[in-house]
Amino acid sequence: EGWRLAGLLEAEENNVPAQLGYVIECDR
């Protein structure tokens, strides 16, 4: 269908630690 972006990250901002994963589906 187009493009897929996927990522895994660890981040901390304003003393909020986070472990996040994302998947984004785009058209062409």
PDB file of all heavy atoms in Angstrom:
ATOM      1  N   GLU A   1       0.812  -1.225   0.000  1.00  0.00           N
ATOM      2  CA  GLU A   1       0.000   0.000   0.000  1.00  0.00           C
ATOM      3  C   GLU A   1       0.840   1.267   0.000  1.00  0.00           C
ATOM      4  O   GLU A   1       0.331   2.342  -0.311  1.00  0.00           O
ATOM      5  CB  GLU A   1      -0.926   0.026   1.230  1.00  0.00           C
ATOM      6  CG  GLU A   1      -2.023  -1.024   1.230  1.00  0.00           C
ATOM      7  CD  GLU A   1      -1.492  -2.407   1.584  1.00  0.00           C
ATOM      8  OE1 GLU A   1      -0.478  -2.486   2.319  1.00  0.00           O
ATOM      9  OE2 GLU A   1      -2.070  -3.406   1.115  1.00  0.00           O
ATOM     10  N   GLY A   2       2.112   1.162   0.381  1.00  0.00           N
ATOM     11  CA  GLY A   2       2.932   2.370   0.472  1.00  0.00           C
ATOM     12  C   GLY A   2       4.169   2.147   1.307  1.00  0.00           C
ATOM     13  O   GLY A   2       5.107   1.487   0.873  1.00  0.00           O
ATOM     14  N   TRP A   3       4.162   2.677   2.546  1.00  0.00           N
ATOM     15  CA  TRP A   3       5.342   2.655   3.388  1.00  0.00           C
ATOM     16  C   TRP A   3       4.965   2.379   4.837  1.00  0.00           C
ATOM     17  O   TRP A   3       3.910   2.801   5.305  1.00  0.00           O
ATOM     18  CB  TRP A   3       6.079   3.994   3.298  1.00  0.00           C
ATOM     19  CG  TRP A   3       6.489   4.330   1.907  1.00  0.00           C
ATOM     20  CD1 TRP A   3       5.792   5.096   1.008  1.00  0.00           C
ATOM     21  CD2 TRP A   3       7.659   3.875   1.224  1.00  0.00           C
ATOM     22  NE1 TRP A   3       6.466   5.154  -0.184  1.00  0.00           N
ATOM     23  CE2 TRP A   3       7.616   4.415  -0.076  1.00  0.00           C
ATOM     24  CE3 TRP A   3       8.732   3.079   1.601  1.00  0.00           C
ATOM     25  CZ2 TRP A   3       8.625   4.171  -1.013  1.00  0.00           C
ATOM     26  CZ3 TRP A   3       9.736   2.838   0.678  1.00  0.00           C
ATOM     27  CH2 TRP A   3       9.681   3.384  -0.614  1.00  0.00           C
ATOM     28  N   ARG A   4       5.853   1.690   5.536  1.00  0.00           N
ATOM     29  CA  ARG A   4       5.657   1.418   6.971  1.00  0.00           C
ATOM     30  C   ARG A   4       6.895   1.887   7.728  1.00  0.00           C
ATOM     31  O   ARG A   4       8.017   1.520   7.396  1.00  0.00           O
ATOM     32  CB  ARG A   4       5.431  -0.062   7.228  1.00  0.00           C
ATOM     33  CG  ARG A   4       5.302  -0.412   8.719  1.00  0.00           C
ATOM     34  CD  ARG A   4       5.109  -1.903   8.937  1.00  0.00           C
ATOM     35  NE  ARG A   4       3.861  -2.353   8.321  1.00  0.00           N
ATOM     36  CZ  ARG A   4       3.776  -3.349   7.432  1.00  0.00           C
ATOM     37  NH1 ARG A   4       4.866  -3.995   7.040  1.00  0.00           N
ATOM     38  NH2 ARG A   4       2.611  -3.700   6.928  1.00  0.00           N
ATOM     39  N   LEU A   5       6.663   2.703   8.762  1.00  0.00           N
ATOM     40  CA  LEU A   5       7.714   3.110   9.680  1.00  0.00           C
ATOM     41  C   LEU A   5       7.459   2.430  11.011  1.00  0.00           C
ATOM     42  O   LEU A   5       6.322   2.444  11.506  1.00  0.00           O
ATOM     43  CB  LEU A   5       7.717   4.630   9.902  1.00  0.00           C
ATOM     44  CG  LEU A   5       8.254   5.532   8.787  1.00  0.00           C
ATOM     45  CD1 LEU A   5       7.355   5.528   7.571  1.00  0.00           C
ATOM     46  CD2 LEU A   5       8.427   6.955   9.322  1.00  0.00           C
ATOM     47  N   ALA A   6       8.489   1.843  11.590  1.00  0.00           N
ATOM     48  CA  ALA A   6       8.343   1.187  12.890  1.00  0.00           C
ATOM     49  C   ALA A   6       9.581   1.474  13.716  1.00  0.00           C
ATOM     50  O   ALA A   6      10.705   1.467  13.192  1.00  0.00           O
ATOM     51  CB  ALA A   6       8.150  -0.316  12.726  1.00  0.00           C
ATOM     52  N   GLY A   7       9.379   1.748  14.995  1.00  0.00           N
ATOM     53  CA  GLY A   7      10.518   2.061  15.846  1.00  0.00           C
ATOM     54  C   GLY A   7      10.302   1.654  17.285  1.00  0.00           C
ATOM     55  O   GLY A   7       9.160   1.496  17.740  1.00  0.00           O
ATOM     56  N   LEU A   8      11.418   1.478  17.984  1.00  0.00           N
ATOM     57  CA  LEU A   8      11.433   1.210  19.416  1.00  0.00           C
ATOM     58  C   LEU A   8      12.396   2.197  20.048  1.00  0.00           C
ATOM     59  O   LEU A   8      13.507   2.406  19.530  1.00  0.00           O
ATOM     60  CB  LEU A   8      11.903  -0.219  19.705  1.00  0.00           C
ATOM     61  CG  LEU A   8      10.981  -1.350  19.262  1.00  0.00           C
ATOM     62  CD1 LEU A   8      11.705  -2.696  19.414  1.00  0.00           C
ATOM     63  CD2 LEU A   8       9.695  -1.354  20.086  1.00  0.00           C
ATOM     64  N   LEU A   9      11.993   2.808  21.151  1.00  0.00           N
ATOM     65  CA  LEU A   9      12.864   3.788  21.770  1.00  0.00           C
ATOM     66  C   LEU A   9      12.692   3.849  23.270  1.00  0.00           C
ATOM     67  O   LEU A   9      11.655   3.458  23.820  1.00  0.00           O
ATOM     68  CB  LEU A   9      12.617   5.179  21.182  1.00  0.00           C
ATOM     69  CG  LEU A   9      11.287   5.838  21.500  1.00  0.00           C
ATOM     70  CD1 LEU A   9      11.466   7.332  21.693  1.00  0.00           C
ATOM     71  CD2 LEU A   9      10.307   5.593  20.351  1.00  0.00           C
ATOM     72  N   GLU A  10      13.734   4.343  23.889  1.00  0.00           N
ATOM     73  CA  GLU A  10      13.715   4.700  25.293  1.00  0.00           C
ATOM     74  C   GLU A  10      14.012   6.187  25.363  1.00  0.00           C
ATOM     75  O   GLU A  10      14.939   6.666  24.716  1.00  0.00           O
ATOM     76  CB  GLU A  10      14.759   3.908  26.072  1.00  0.00           C
ATOM     77  CG  GLU A  10      14.488   2.419  26.126  1.00  0.00           C
ATOM     78  CD  GLU A  10      15.504   1.686  26.988  1.00  0.00           C
ATOM     79  OE1 GLU A  10      16.417   2.357  27.523  1.00  0.00           O
ATOM     80  OE2 GLU A  10      15.386   0.466  27.119  1.00  0.00           O
ATOM     81  N   ALA A  11      13.200   6.899  26.130  1.00  0.00           N
ATOM     82  CA  ALA A  11      13.371   8.343  26.221  1.00  0.00           C
ATOM     83  C   ALA A  11      12.966   8.817  27.604  1.00  0.00           C
ATOM     84  O   ALA A  11      12.239   8.127  28.325  1.00  0.00           O
ATOM     85  CB  ALA A  11      12.534   9.054  25.156  1.00  0.00           C
ATOM     86  N   GLU A  12      13.442   9.987  27.957  1.00  0.00           N
ATOM     87  CA  GLU A  12      13.057  10.584  29.221  1.00  0.00           C
ATOM     88  C   GLU A  12      12.927  12.083  29.015  1.00  0.00           C
ATOM     89  O   GLU A  12      13.804  12.718  28.429  1.00  0.00           O
ATOM     90  CB  GLU A  12      14.090  10.298  30.316  1.00  0.00           C
ATOM     91  CG  GLU A  12      13.702  10.842  31.673  1.00  0.00           C
ATOM     92  CD  GLU A  12      14.665  10.408  32.768  1.00  0.00           C
ATOM     93  OE1 GLU A  12      15.224   9.310  32.653  1.00  0.00           O
ATOM     94  OE2 GLU A  12      14.836  11.178  33.721  1.00  0.00           O
ATOM     95  N   GLU A  13      11.817  12.647  29.456  1.00  0.00           N
ATOM     96  CA  GLU A  13      11.600  14.079  29.317  1.00  0.00           C
ATOM     97  C   GLU A  13      10.730  14.535  30.476  1.00  0.00           C
ATOM     98  O   GLU A  13       9.763  13.864  30.844  1.00  0.00           O
ATOM     99  CB  GLU A  13      10.922  14.406  27.986  1.00  0.00           C
ATOM    100  CG  GLU A  13      11.062  15.858  27.596  1.00  0.00           C
ATOM    101  CD  GLU A  13      10.927  16.080  26.093  1.00  0.00           C
ATOM    102  OE1 GLU A  13      11.417  15.252  25.300  1.00  0.00           O
ATOM    103  OE2 GLU A  13      10.328  17.090  25.725  1.00  0.00           O
ATOM    104  N   ASN A  14      11.100  15.674  31.072  1.00  0.00           N
ATOM    105  CA  ASN A  14      10.388  16.187  32.252  1.00  0.00           C
ATOM    106  C   ASN A  14      10.271  15.105  33.323  1.00  0.00           C
ATOM    107  O   ASN A  14       9.234  14.949  33.965  1.00  0.00           O
ATOM    108  CB  ASN A  14       8.999  16.709  31.873  1.00  0.00           C
ATOM    109  CG  ASN A  14       9.066  17.869  30.903  1.00  0.00           C
ATOM    110  OD1 ASN A  14      10.074  18.572  30.829  1.00  0.00           O
ATOM    111  ND2 ASN A  14       8.006  18.075  30.150  1.00  0.00           N
ATOM    112  N   ASN A  15      11.361  14.349  33.498  1.00  0.00           N
ATOM    113  CA  ASN A  15      11.417  13.272  34.499  1.00  0.00           C
ATOM    114  C   ASN A  15      10.394  12.174  34.249  1.00  0.00           C
ATOM    115  O   ASN A  15       9.992  11.474  35.174  1.00  0.00           O
ATOM    116  CB  ASN A  15      11.242  13.845  35.913  1.00  0.00           C
ATOM    117  CG  ASN A  15      12.378  14.780  36.293  1.00  0.00           C
ATOM    118  OD1 ASN A  15      13.546  14.478  36.045  1.00  0.00           O
ATOM    119  ND2 ASN A  15      12.038  15.922  36.864  1.00  0.00           N
ATOM    120  N   VAL A  16       9.952  12.031  33.006  1.00  0.00           N
ATOM    121  CA  VAL A  16       9.048  10.947  32.634  1.00  0.00           C
ATOM    122  C   VAL A  16       9.822   9.950  31.778  1.00  0.00           C
ATOM    123  O   VAL A  16      10.079  10.207  30.598  1.00  0.00           O
ATOM    124  CB  VAL A  16       7.819  11.471  31.858  1.00  0.00           C
ATOM    125  CG1 VAL A  16       6.934  10.315  31.414  1.00  0.00           C
ATOM    126  CG2 VAL A  16       7.021  12.452  32.704  1.00  0.00           C
ATOM    127  N   PRO A  17      10.239   8.814  32.348  1.00  0.00           N
ATOM    128  CA  PRO A  17      10.903   7.793  31.539  1.00  0.00           C
ATOM    129  C   PRO A  17       9.868   7.001  30.746  1.00  0.00           C
ATOM    130  O   PRO A  17       8.791   6.683  31.250  1.00  0.00           O
ATOM    131  CB  PRO A  17      11.592   6.906  32.586  1.00  0.00           C
ATOM    132  CG  PRO A  17      10.753   7.052  33.810  1.00  0.00           C
ATOM    133  CD  PRO A  17      10.162   8.441  33.773  1.00  0.00           C
ATOM    134  N   ALA A  18      10.188   6.709  29.494  1.00  0.00           N
ATOM    135  CA  ALA A  18       9.234   6.000  28.640  1.00  0.00           C
ATOM    136  C   ALA A  18       9.949   4.981  27.779  1.00  0.00           C
ATOM    137  O   ALA A  18      11.092   5.195  27.347  1.00  0.00           O
ATOM    138  CB  ALA A  18       8.469   6.990  27.752  1.00  0.00           C
ATOM    139  N   GLN A  19       9.280   3.864  27.566  1.00  0.00           N
ATOM    140  CA  GLN A  19       9.695   2.853  26.587  1.00  0.00           C
ATOM    141  C   GLN A  19       8.535   2.719  25.613  1.00  0.00           C
ATOM    142  O   GLN A  19       7.427   2.334  26.008  1.00  0.00           O
ATOM    143  CB  GLN A  19       9.979   1.507  27.263  1.00  0.00           C
ATOM    144  CG  GLN A  19      11.167   1.523  28.220  1.00  0.00           C
ATOM    145  CD  GLN A  19      10.833   2.087  29.587  1.00  0.00           C
ATOM    146  OE1 GLN A  19       9.759   1.850  30.109  1.00  0.00           O
ATOM    147  NE2 GLN A  19      11.744   2.868  30.151  1.00  0.00           N
ATOM    148  N   LEU A  20       8.766   3.099  24.366  1.00  0.00           N
ATOM    149  CA  LEU A  20       7.669   3.200  23.410  1.00  0.00           C
ATOM    150  C   LEU A  20       8.000   2.462  22.115  1.00  0.00           C
ATOM    151  O   LEU A  20       9.160   2.389  21.699  1.00  0.00           O
ATOM    152  CB  LEU A  20       7.376   4.668  23.084  1.00  0.00           C
ATOM    153  CG  LEU A  20       6.962   5.560  24.258  1.00  0.00           C
ATOM    154  CD1 LEU A  20       6.934   7.008  23.827  1.00  0.00           C
ATOM    155  CD2 LEU A  20       5.610   5.131  24.806  1.00  0.00           C
ATOM    156  N   GLY A  21       6.959   1.940  21.506  1.00  0.00           N
ATOM    157  CA  GLY A  21       7.063   1.389  20.173  1.00  0.00           C
ATOM    158  C   GLY A  21       5.983   2.015  19.302  1.00  0.00           C
ATOM    159  O   GLY A  21       4.919   2.395  19.799  1.00  0.00           O
ATOM    160  N   TYR A  22       6.268   2.165  18.028  1.00  0.00           N
ATOM    161  CA  TYR A  22       5.270   2.744  17.128  1.00  0.00           C
ATOM    162  C   TYR A  22       5.327   2.046  15.775  1.00  0.00           C
ATOM    163  O   TYR A  22       6.357   1.508  15.371  1.00  0.00           O
ATOM    164  CB  TYR A  22       5.478   4.255  16.947  1.00  0.00           C
ATOM    165  CG  TYR A  22       6.781   4.622  16.279  1.00  0.00           C
ATOM    166  CD1 TYR A  22       6.897   4.661  14.884  1.00  0.00           C
ATOM    167  CD2 TYR A  22       7.910   4.928  17.034  1.00  0.00           C
ATOM    168  CE1 TYR A  22       8.095   4.982  14.276  1.00  0.00           C
ATOM    169  CE2 TYR A  22       9.112   5.243  16.433  1.00  0.00           C
ATOM    170  CZ  TYR A  22       9.195   5.273  15.055  1.00  0.00           C
ATOM    171  OH  TYR A  22      10.399   5.589  14.446  1.00  0.00           O
ATOM    172  N   VAL A  23       4.182   2.052  15.095  1.00  0.00           N
ATOM    173  CA  VAL A  23       4.085   1.587  13.716  1.00  0.00           C
ATOM    174  C   VAL A  23       3.216   2.591  12.976  1.00  0.00           C
ATOM    175  O   VAL A  23       2.112   2.929  13.436  1.00  0.00           O
ATOM    176  CB  VAL A  23       3.468   0.182  13.618  1.00  0.00           C
ATOM    177  CG1 VAL A  23       3.340  -0.228  12.153  1.00  0.00           C
ATOM    178  CG2 VAL A  23       4.290  -0.840  14.384  1.00  0.00           C
ATOM    179  N   ILE A  24       3.702   3.079  11.852  1.00  0.00           N
ATOM    180  CA  ILE A  24       2.957   4.046  11.034  1.00  0.00           C
ATOM    181  C   ILE A  24       2.824   3.478   9.633  1.00  0.00           C
ATOM    182  O   ILE A  24       3.823   3.086   9.020  1.00  0.00           O
ATOM    183  CB  ILE A  24       3.677   5.407  10.966  1.00  0.00           C
ATOM    184  CG1 ILE A  24       3.869   5.980  12.372  1.00  0.00           C
ATOM    185  CG2 ILE A  24       2.894   6.389  10.093  1.00  0.00           C
ATOM    186  CD1 ILE A  24       4.815   7.167  12.401  1.00  0.00           C
ATOM    187  N   GLU A  25       1.598   3.437   9.139  1.00  0.00           N
ATOM    188  CA  GLU A  25       1.335   2.994   7.769  1.00  0.00           C
ATOM    189  C   GLU A  25       0.996   4.219   6.922  1.00  0.00           C
ATOM    190  O   GLU A  25       0.112   5.013   7.284  1.00  0.00           O
ATOM    191  CB  GLU A  25       0.158   2.011   7.735  1.00  0.00           C
ATOM    192  CG  GLU A  25       0.335   0.783   8.606  1.00  0.00           C
ATOM    193  CD  GLU A  25       1.260  -0.265   7.999  1.00  0.00           C
ATOM    194  OE1 GLU A  25       1.686  -0.095   6.833  1.00  0.00           O
ATOM    195  OE2 GLU A  25       1.548  -1.255   8.699  1.00  0.00           O
ATOM    196  N   CYS A  26       1.703   4.378   5.805  1.00  0.00           N
ATOM    197  CA  CYS A  26       1.477   5.495   4.893  1.00  0.00           C
ATOM    198  C   CYS A  26       1.097   4.975   3.513  1.00  0.00           C
ATOM    199  O   CYS A  26       1.435   3.844   3.151  1.00  0.00           O
ATOM    200  CB  CYS A  26       2.744   6.342   4.757  1.00  0.00           C
ATOM    201  SG  CYS A  26       3.309   7.088   6.281  1.00  0.00           S
ATOM    202  N   ASP A  27       0.424   5.825   2.738  1.00  0.00           N
ATOM    203  CA  ASP A  27       0.161   5.451   1.356  1.00  0.00           C
ATOM    204  C   ASP A  27       1.401   5.747   0.512  1.00  0.00           C
ATOM    205  O   ASP A  27       2.443   6.160   1.030  1.00  0.00           O
ATOM    206  CB  ASP A  27      -1.102   6.138   0.828  1.00  0.00           C
ATOM    207  CG  ASP A  27      -0.985   7.665   0.765  1.00  0.00           C
ATOM    208  OD1 ASP A  27       0.152   8.204   0.784  1.00  0.00           O
ATOM    209  OD2 ASP A  27      -2.039   8.331   0.684  1.00  0.00           O
ATOM    210  N   ARG A  28       1.298   5.548  -0.781  1.00  0.00           N
ATOM    211  CA  ARG A  28       2.475   5.711  -1.644  1.00  0.00           C
ATOM    212  C   ARG A  28       2.974   7.146  -1.693  1.00  0.00           C
ATOM    213  O   ARG A  28       4.139   7.389  -2.042  1.00  0.00           O
ATOM    214  CB  ARG A  28       2.147   5.215  -3.063  1.00  0.00           C
ATOM    215  CG  ARG A  28       1.980   3.709  -3.164  1.00  0.00           C
ATOM    216  CD  ARG A  28       1.687   3.270  -4.593  1.00  0.00           C
ATOM    217  NE  ARG A  28       1.604   1.816  -4.713  1.00  0.00           N
ATOM    218  CZ  ARG A  28       0.503   1.120  -4.493  1.00  0.00           C
ATOM    219  NH1 ARG A  28      -0.624   1.748  -4.154  1.00  0.00           N
ATOM    220  NH2 ARG A  28       0.504  -0.191  -4.612  1.00  0.00           N
TER     221      ARG A  28
END
